[in-house]
């Protein structure tokens, strides 16, 4: 599974990129607004830090507007992935951008039928929102299972499943078990994947025993 981080905080991205575990970055209008800087400046800086796909989302809602904005975003750097919403106009924009050789992330996916349409439109990634489905009493992970089954039924569909709206390390584990190609997570969740109380306890015991030896390496 590939790990993307869901943030527009350049300092956090730089820290995580240094681990060598980061495969890409996703942003959205809310994260850009939180960054408080011009979108083109932020995306360009992120693209210079991470070689993998960097999702930059359009703000327009009509086909012509999404296509125009998508082309501007794609021109920032070769690794920009244009992010469009899963609407009819978004699917049209996805098709048009894909035909021009650009990567596209179709976001705000909440059903398997929507994911099928995104794949038919040539999406590079489709982003099912696990956490938001859980919030309304549905099983977000079931959606990952359904999409995986459909895509596996038709090898010609090459769209990758990008599990989004991930809230916990357990979401990451379950998405990986369900066959998601990518998990995009907040920095806190990505850092939390390494944590386990028994690891901390074991390390504490090892260090205490080592101290007793009086040795240095």
C-alpha atoms as a PDB file:
ATOM      1  CA  UNK A   1       0.000   0.000   0.000  1.00  0.00           C
ATOM      2  CA  UNK A   2       1.154   3.509  -0.812  1.00  0.00           C
ATOM      3  CA  UNK A   3       1.006   6.234   1.830  1.00  0.00           C
ATOM      4  CA  UNK A   4      -0.061   9.766   0.954  1.00  0.00           C
ATOM      5  CA  UNK A   5      -0.298  12.477   3.598  1.00  0.00           C
ATOM      6  CA  UNK A   6      -3.392  14.688   3.637  1.00  0.00           C
ATOM      7  CA  UNK A   7      -2.145  18.179   4.431  1.00  0.00           C
ATOM      8  CA  UNK A   8      -0.918  21.427   2.907  1.00  0.00           C
ATOM      9  CA  UNK A   9       1.485  22.098   5.774  1.00  0.00           C
ATOM     10  CA  UNK A  10       4.865  22.179   4.048  1.00  0.00           C
ATOM     11  CA  UNK A  11       6.827  21.766   7.282  1.00  0.00           C
ATOM     12  CA  UNK A  12       4.930  18.578   8.164  1.00  0.00           C
ATOM     13  CA  UNK A  13       5.372  17.235   4.644  1.00  0.00           C
ATOM     14  CA  UNK A  14       9.115  17.915   4.738  1.00  0.00           C
ATOM     15  CA  UNK A  15       9.457  16.049   8.049  1.00  0.00           C
ATOM     16  CA  UNK A  16       7.528  13.023   6.787  1.00  0.00           C
ATOM     17  CA  UNK A  17       9.285  13.001   3.411  1.00  0.00           C
ATOM     18  CA  UNK A  18      12.619  12.593   5.214  1.00  0.00           C
ATOM     19  CA  UNK A  19      11.481   9.163   6.452  1.00  0.00           C
ATOM     20  CA  UNK A  20      11.350   7.839   2.897  1.00  0.00           C
ATOM     21  CA  UNK A  21       7.893   6.382   3.607  1.00  0.00           C
ATOM     22  CA  UNK A  22       5.856   9.062   1.834  1.00  0.00           C
ATOM     23  CA  UNK A  23       4.581   8.237  -1.656  1.00  0.00           C
ATOM     24  CA  UNK A  24       2.468  11.324  -2.313  1.00  0.00           C
ATOM     25  CA  UNK A  25       0.372  14.167  -0.911  1.00  0.00           C
ATOM     26  CA  UNK A  26      -3.287  15.135  -1.126  1.00  0.00           C
ATOM     27  CA  UNK A  27      -4.640  18.621  -0.561  1.00  0.00           C
ATOM     28  CA  UNK A  28      -8.084  20.182  -0.829  1.00  0.00           C
ATOM     29  CA  UNK A  29      -9.515  23.719  -0.671  1.00  0.00           C
ATOM     30  CA  UNK A  30      -9.999  23.474   3.106  1.00  0.00           C
ATOM     31  CA  UNK A  31      -6.357  22.484   3.673  1.00  0.00           C
ATOM     32  CA  UNK A  32      -5.119  25.232   1.343  1.00  0.00           C
ATOM     33  CA  UNK A  33      -7.252  27.768   3.203  1.00  0.00           C
ATOM     34  CA  UNK A  34      -5.739  26.556   6.479  1.00  0.00           C
ATOM     35  CA  UNK A  35      -2.249  27.051   5.057  1.00  0.00           C
ATOM     36  CA  UNK A  36      -3.083  30.706   4.396  1.00  0.00           C
ATOM     37  CA  UNK A  37      -0.897  30.956   1.294  1.00  0.00           C
ATOM     38  CA  UNK A  38      -1.498  31.129  -2.489  1.00  0.00           C
ATOM     39  CA  UNK A  39      -2.374  27.664  -3.834  1.00  0.00           C
ATOM     40  CA  UNK A  40       0.143  27.713  -6.699  1.00  0.00           C
ATOM     41  CA  UNK A  41       2.960  28.617  -4.305  1.00  0.00           C
ATOM     42  CA  UNK A  42       2.019  25.852  -1.854  1.00  0.00           C
ATOM     43  CA  UNK A  43       1.603  23.166  -4.514  1.00  0.00           C
ATOM     44  CA  UNK A  44       4.893  24.055  -6.198  1.00  0.00           C
ATOM     45  CA  UNK A  45       6.731  23.813  -2.884  1.00  0.00           C
ATOM     46  CA  UNK A  46       5.154  20.445  -2.070  1.00  0.00           C
ATOM     47  CA  UNK A  47       5.936  19.095  -5.539  1.00  0.00           C
ATOM     48  CA  UNK A  48       9.598  19.963  -4.999  1.00  0.00           C
ATOM     49  CA  UNK A  49       9.646  17.996  -1.731  1.00  0.00           C
ATOM     50  CA  UNK A  50       7.829  14.827  -2.830  1.00  0.00           C
ATOM     51  CA  UNK A  51       8.371  13.072  -6.153  1.00  0.00           C
ATOM     52  CA  UNK A  52       5.073  11.196  -6.096  1.00  0.00           C
ATOM     53  CA  UNK A  53       1.581  12.417  -7.041  1.00  0.00           C
ATOM     54  CA  UNK A  54       0.489  15.693  -5.434  1.00  0.00           C
ATOM     55  CA  UNK A  55      -3.274  16.238  -5.572  1.00  0.00           C
ATOM     56  CA  UNK A  56      -4.365  19.835  -6.159  1.00  0.00           C
ATOM     57  CA  UNK A  57      -8.112  20.417  -6.289  1.00  0.00           C
ATOM     58  CA  UNK A  58     -10.090  22.658  -8.619  1.00  0.00           C
ATOM     59  CA  UNK A  59     -12.576  25.121  -7.112  1.00  0.00           C
ATOM     60  CA  UNK A  60     -14.887  25.440 -10.133  1.00  0.00           C
ATOM     61  CA  UNK A  61     -18.028  23.289 -10.325  1.00  0.00           C
ATOM     62  CA  UNK A  62     -18.772  23.490 -14.057  1.00  0.00           C
ATOM     63  CA  UNK A  63     -16.976  21.528 -16.776  1.00  0.00           C
ATOM     64  CA  UNK A  64     -15.344  24.492 -18.530  1.00  0.00           C
ATOM     65  CA  UNK A  65     -14.180  25.989 -15.252  1.00  0.00           C
ATOM     66  CA  UNK A  66     -12.794  22.684 -13.942  1.00  0.00           C
ATOM     67  CA  UNK A  67     -10.935  22.035 -17.174  1.00  0.00           C
ATOM     68  CA  UNK A  68      -9.409  25.532 -17.221  1.00  0.00           C
ATOM     69  CA  UNK A  69      -8.379  25.373 -13.556  1.00  0.00           C
ATOM     70  CA  UNK A  70      -7.160  21.804 -13.928  1.00  0.00           C
ATOM     71  CA  UNK A  71      -4.840  22.777 -16.783  1.00  0.00           C
ATOM     72  CA  UNK A  72      -3.437  25.642 -14.713  1.00  0.00           C
ATOM     73  CA  UNK A  73      -2.799  23.349 -11.737  1.00  0.00           C
ATOM     74  CA  UNK A  74      -1.228  20.654 -13.934  1.00  0.00           C
ATOM     75  CA  UNK A  75       1.179  23.247 -15.333  1.00  0.00           C
ATOM     76  CA  UNK A  76       2.683  23.881 -11.873  1.00  0.00           C
ATOM     77  CA  UNK A  77       4.767  20.689 -11.890  1.00  0.00           C
ATOM     78  CA  UNK A  78       4.867  17.312 -13.688  1.00  0.00           C
ATOM     79  CA  UNK A  79       3.764  15.395 -10.579  1.00  0.00           C
ATOM     80  CA  UNK A  80       0.560  17.363  -9.994  1.00  0.00           C
ATOM     81  CA  UNK A  81      -2.577  15.225  -9.948  1.00  0.00           C
ATOM     82  CA  UNK A  82      -5.664  17.314 -10.658  1.00  0.00           C
ATOM     83  CA  UNK A  83      -8.439  16.673  -8.161  1.00  0.00           C
ATOM     84  CA  UNK A  84     -12.060  16.979  -9.320  1.00  0.00           C
ATOM     85  CA  UNK A  85     -15.373  16.200  -7.574  1.00  0.00           C
ATOM     86  CA  UNK A  86     -17.458  13.159  -8.455  1.00  0.00           C
ATOM     87  CA  UNK A  87     -20.188  14.988 -10.369  1.00  0.00           C
ATOM     88  CA  UNK A  88     -21.196  14.763 -14.030  1.00  0.00           C
ATOM     89  CA  UNK A  89     -19.130  17.840 -14.818  1.00  0.00           C
ATOM     90  CA  UNK A  90     -16.298  16.430 -12.732  1.00  0.00           C
ATOM     91  CA  UNK A  91     -16.349  13.192 -14.716  1.00  0.00           C
ATOM     92  CA  UNK A  92     -16.331  15.145 -17.983  1.00  0.00           C
ATOM     93  CA  UNK A  93     -13.367  17.165 -16.739  1.00  0.00           C
ATOM     94  CA  UNK A  94     -11.635  13.949 -15.666  1.00  0.00           C
ATOM     95  CA  UNK A  95     -12.020  12.501 -19.147  1.00  0.00           C
ATOM     96  CA  UNK A  96     -10.782  15.673 -20.821  1.00  0.00           C
ATOM     97  CA  UNK A  97      -7.768  16.050 -18.536  1.00  0.00           C
ATOM     98  CA  UNK A  98      -6.867  12.368 -18.812  1.00  0.00           C
ATOM     99  CA  UNK A  99      -6.986  12.569 -22.604  1.00  0.00           C
ATOM    100  CA  UNK A 100      -4.500  15.436 -22.368  1.00  0.00           C
ATOM    101  CA  UNK A 101      -2.097  13.224 -20.421  1.00  0.00           C
ATOM    102  CA  UNK A 102      -2.741  14.512 -16.907  1.00  0.00           C
ATOM    103  CA  UNK A 103      -3.321  12.442 -13.773  1.00  0.00           C
ATOM    104  CA  UNK A 104      -6.711  12.927 -12.120  1.00  0.00           C
ATOM    105  CA  UNK A 105      -7.984  12.151  -8.625  1.00  0.00           C
ATOM    106  CA  UNK A 106     -11.792  11.956  -8.515  1.00  0.00           C
ATOM    107  CA  UNK A 107     -12.808  12.835  -4.982  1.00  0.00           C
ATOM    108  CA  UNK A 108     -15.898  12.749  -2.749  1.00  0.00           C
ATOM    109  CA  UNK A 109     -16.784   9.191  -3.728  1.00  0.00           C
ATOM    110  CA  UNK A 110     -19.478   7.590  -1.557  1.00  0.00           C
ATOM    111  CA  UNK A 111     -20.734   4.652  -3.642  1.00  0.00           C
ATOM    112  CA  UNK A 112     -19.403   1.800  -5.755  1.00  0.00           C
ATOM    113  CA  UNK A 113     -21.410   3.028  -8.745  1.00  0.00           C
ATOM    114  CA  UNK A 114     -19.677   6.391  -8.511  1.00  0.00           C
ATOM    115  CA  UNK A 115     -16.301   4.640  -8.400  1.00  0.00           C
ATOM    116  CA  UNK A 116     -17.199   2.650 -11.520  1.00  0.00           C
ATOM    117  CA  UNK A 117     -18.037   5.860 -13.375  1.00  0.00           C
ATOM    118  CA  UNK A 118     -14.759   7.439 -12.269  1.00  0.00           C
ATOM    119  CA  UNK A 119     -12.807   4.480 -13.616  1.00  0.00           C
ATOM    120  CA  UNK A 120     -14.702   4.624 -16.899  1.00  0.00           C
ATOM    121  CA  UNK A 121     -13.804   8.314 -17.144  1.00  0.00           C
ATOM    122  CA  UNK A 122     -10.120   7.394 -16.873  1.00  0.00           C
ATOM    123  CA  UNK A 123      -9.399   8.531 -13.310  1.00  0.00           C
ATOM    124  CA  UNK A 124      -5.912   7.788 -12.019  1.00  0.00           C
ATOM    125  CA  UNK A 125      -7.308   7.635  -8.479  1.00  0.00           C
ATOM    126  CA  UNK A 126     -10.762   7.499  -6.947  1.00  0.00           C
ATOM    127  CA  UNK A 127     -11.140   8.711  -3.363  1.00  0.00           C
ATOM    128  CA  UNK A 128     -13.839   6.946  -1.316  1.00  0.00           C
ATOM    129  CA  UNK A 129     -14.406   8.760   1.985  1.00  0.00           C
ATOM    130  CA  UNK A 130     -14.389   6.139   4.741  1.00  0.00           C
ATOM    131  CA  UNK A 131     -14.742   8.353   7.796  1.00  0.00           C
ATOM    132  CA  UNK A 132     -17.628  10.415   6.476  1.00  0.00           C
ATOM    133  CA  UNK A 133     -19.633   7.260   5.759  1.00  0.00           C
ATOM    134  CA  UNK A 134     -18.905   6.018   9.274  1.00  0.00           C
ATOM    135  CA  UNK A 135     -20.166   9.380  10.577  1.00  0.00           C
ATOM    136  CA  UNK A 136     -23.652   8.735   9.202  1.00  0.00           C
ATOM    137  CA  UNK A 137     -23.854   5.183  10.508  1.00  0.00           C
ATOM    138  CA  UNK A 138     -22.679   3.329   7.397  1.00  0.00           C
ATOM    139  CA  UNK A 139     -19.630   1.078   7.036  1.00  0.00           C
ATOM    140  CA  UNK A 140     -17.051   3.025   5.089  1.00  0.00           C
ATOM    141  CA  UNK A 141     -14.786   0.002   4.761  1.00  0.00           C
ATOM    142  CA  UNK A 142     -17.544  -1.935   3.010  1.00  0.00           C
ATOM    143  CA  UNK A 143     -17.278   0.599   0.193  1.00  0.00           C
ATOM    144  CA  UNK A 144     -13.571  -0.199  -0.245  1.00  0.00           C
ATOM    145  CA  UNK A 145     -14.477  -3.905  -0.482  1.00  0.00           C
ATOM    146  CA  UNK A 146     -17.141  -3.220  -3.111  1.00  0.00           C
ATOM    147  CA  UNK A 147     -14.915  -1.052  -5.267  1.00  0.00           C
ATOM    148  CA  UNK A 148     -12.051  -3.565  -5.061  1.00  0.00           C
ATOM    149  CA  UNK A 149     -14.371  -6.371  -6.201  1.00  0.00           C
ATOM    150  CA  UNK A 150     -15.678  -4.351  -9.149  1.00  0.00           C
ATOM    151  CA  UNK A 151     -12.254  -3.180 -10.313  1.00  0.00           C
ATOM    152  CA  UNK A 152     -10.843  -6.698 -10.019  1.00  0.00           C
ATOM    153  CA  UNK A 153     -13.703  -7.993 -12.187  1.00  0.00           C
ATOM    154  CA  UNK A 154     -12.554  -5.754 -15.038  1.00  0.00           C
ATOM    155  CA  UNK A 155      -8.759  -5.701 -15.534  1.00  0.00           C
ATOM    156  CA  UNK A 156      -9.099  -2.940 -18.140  1.00  0.00           C
ATOM    157  CA  UNK A 157      -9.995  -0.543 -15.322  1.00  0.00           C
ATOM    158  CA  UNK A 158      -6.683   0.779 -14.005  1.00  0.00           C
ATOM    159  CA  UNK A 159      -7.950   3.356 -11.493  1.00  0.00           C
ATOM    160  CA  UNK A 160      -6.327   3.058  -8.072  1.00  0.00           C
ATOM    161  CA  UNK A 161      -8.420   3.068  -4.898  1.00  0.00           C
ATOM    162  CA  UNK A 162      -7.271   5.904  -2.658  1.00  0.00           C
ATOM    163  CA  UNK A 163      -8.831   5.423   0.766  1.00  0.00           C
ATOM    164  CA  UNK A 164      -9.606   8.894   2.135  1.00  0.00           C
ATOM    165  CA  UNK A 165     -11.212  10.498   5.179  1.00  0.00           C
ATOM    166  CA  UNK A 166      -9.149   8.124   7.306  1.00  0.00           C
ATOM    167  CA  UNK A 167      -9.412   8.912  11.003  1.00  0.00           C
ATOM    168  CA  UNK A 168      -7.495   6.158  12.832  1.00  0.00           C
ATOM    169  CA  UNK A 169      -4.629   3.673  12.431  1.00  0.00           C
ATOM    170  CA  UNK A 170      -7.272   0.932  12.413  1.00  0.00           C
ATOM    171  CA  UNK A 171      -8.808   2.504   9.315  1.00  0.00           C
ATOM    172  CA  UNK A 172      -5.404   2.173   7.629  1.00  0.00           C
ATOM    173  CA  UNK A 173      -5.119  -1.505   8.558  1.00  0.00           C
ATOM    174  CA  UNK A 174      -8.624  -2.333   7.382  1.00  0.00           C
ATOM    175  CA  UNK A 175      -8.154  -0.423   4.119  1.00  0.00           C
ATOM    176  CA  UNK A 176      -4.941  -2.351   3.445  1.00  0.00           C
ATOM    177  CA  UNK A 177      -6.690  -5.647   4.190  1.00  0.00           C
ATOM    178  CA  UNK A 178      -9.526  -4.678   1.827  1.00  0.00           C
ATOM    179  CA  UNK A 179      -7.050  -4.043  -0.970  1.00  0.00           C
ATOM    180  CA  UNK A 180      -6.952  -0.250  -1.206  1.00  0.00           C
ATOM    181  CA  UNK A 181      -3.995   0.832  -3.330  1.00  0.00           C
ATOM    182  CA  UNK A 182      -3.361   4.026  -1.372  1.00  0.00           C
ATOM    183  CA  UNK A 183      -4.241   5.452   2.029  1.00  0.00           C
ATOM    184  CA  UNK A 184      -4.158   9.218   2.436  1.00  0.00           C
ATOM    185  CA  UNK A 185      -3.934  10.167   6.081  1.00  0.00           C
ATOM    186  CA  UNK A 186      -3.445  13.199   8.322  1.00  0.00           C
ATOM    187  CA  UNK A 187       0.139  13.529   9.605  1.00  0.00           C
ATOM    188  CA  UNK A 188      -0.935  12.518  13.129  1.00  0.00           C
ATOM    189  CA  UNK A 189      -2.411   9.228  11.907  1.00  0.00           C
ATOM    190  CA  UNK A 190       0.636   8.414   9.781  1.00  0.00           C
ATOM    191  CA  UNK A 191       2.931   8.998  12.754  1.00  0.00           C
ATOM    192  CA  UNK A 192       0.589   6.972  14.951  1.00  0.00           C
ATOM    193  CA  UNK A 193       1.048   3.838  12.847  1.00  0.00           C
ATOM    194  CA  UNK A 194       4.435   3.199  14.453  1.00  0.00           C
ATOM    195  CA  UNK A 195       3.152   3.379  18.007  1.00  0.00           C
ATOM    196  CA  UNK A 196       2.428   0.398  20.253  1.00  0.00           C
ATOM    197  CA  UNK A 197       2.631   0.311  24.077  1.00  0.00           C
ATOM    198  CA  UNK A 198       4.528  -2.978  24.054  1.00  0.00           C
ATOM    199  CA  UNK A 199       7.178  -1.502  21.771  1.00  0.00           C
ATOM    200  CA  UNK A 200       7.676   1.360  24.220  1.00  0.00           C
ATOM    201  CA  UNK A 201       7.727  -1.021  27.181  1.00  0.00           C
ATOM    202  CA  UNK A 202      10.192  -3.384  25.534  1.00  0.00           C
ATOM    203  CA  UNK A 203      12.535  -0.571  24.546  1.00  0.00           C
ATOM    204  CA  UNK A 204      12.452   0.819  28.085  1.00  0.00           C
ATOM    205  CA  UNK A 205      13.427  -2.578  29.473  1.00  0.00           C
ATOM    206  CA  UNK A 206      16.247  -3.042  26.954  1.00  0.00           C
ATOM    207  CA  UNK A 207      17.681   0.381  27.736  1.00  0.00           C
ATOM    208  CA  UNK A 208      17.491  -0.198  31.485  1.00  0.00           C
ATOM    209  CA  UNK A 209      19.375  -3.500  31.138  1.00  0.00           C
ATOM    210  CA  UNK A 210      21.943  -1.944  28.831  1.00  0.00           C
ATOM    211  CA  UNK A 211      22.590   0.879  31.293  1.00  0.00           C
ATOM    212  CA  UNK A 212      23.455  -1.690  33.952  1.00  0.00           C
ATOM    213  CA  UNK A 213      26.314  -3.029  31.815  1.00  0.00           C
ATOM    214  CA  UNK A 214      28.118   0.330  31.814  1.00  0.00           C
ATOM    215  CA  UNK A 215      29.014  -0.217  28.169  1.00  0.00           C
ATOM    216  CA  UNK A 216      28.976   2.140  25.187  1.00  0.00           C
ATOM    217  CA  UNK A 217      28.867   1.296  21.506  1.00  0.00           C
END
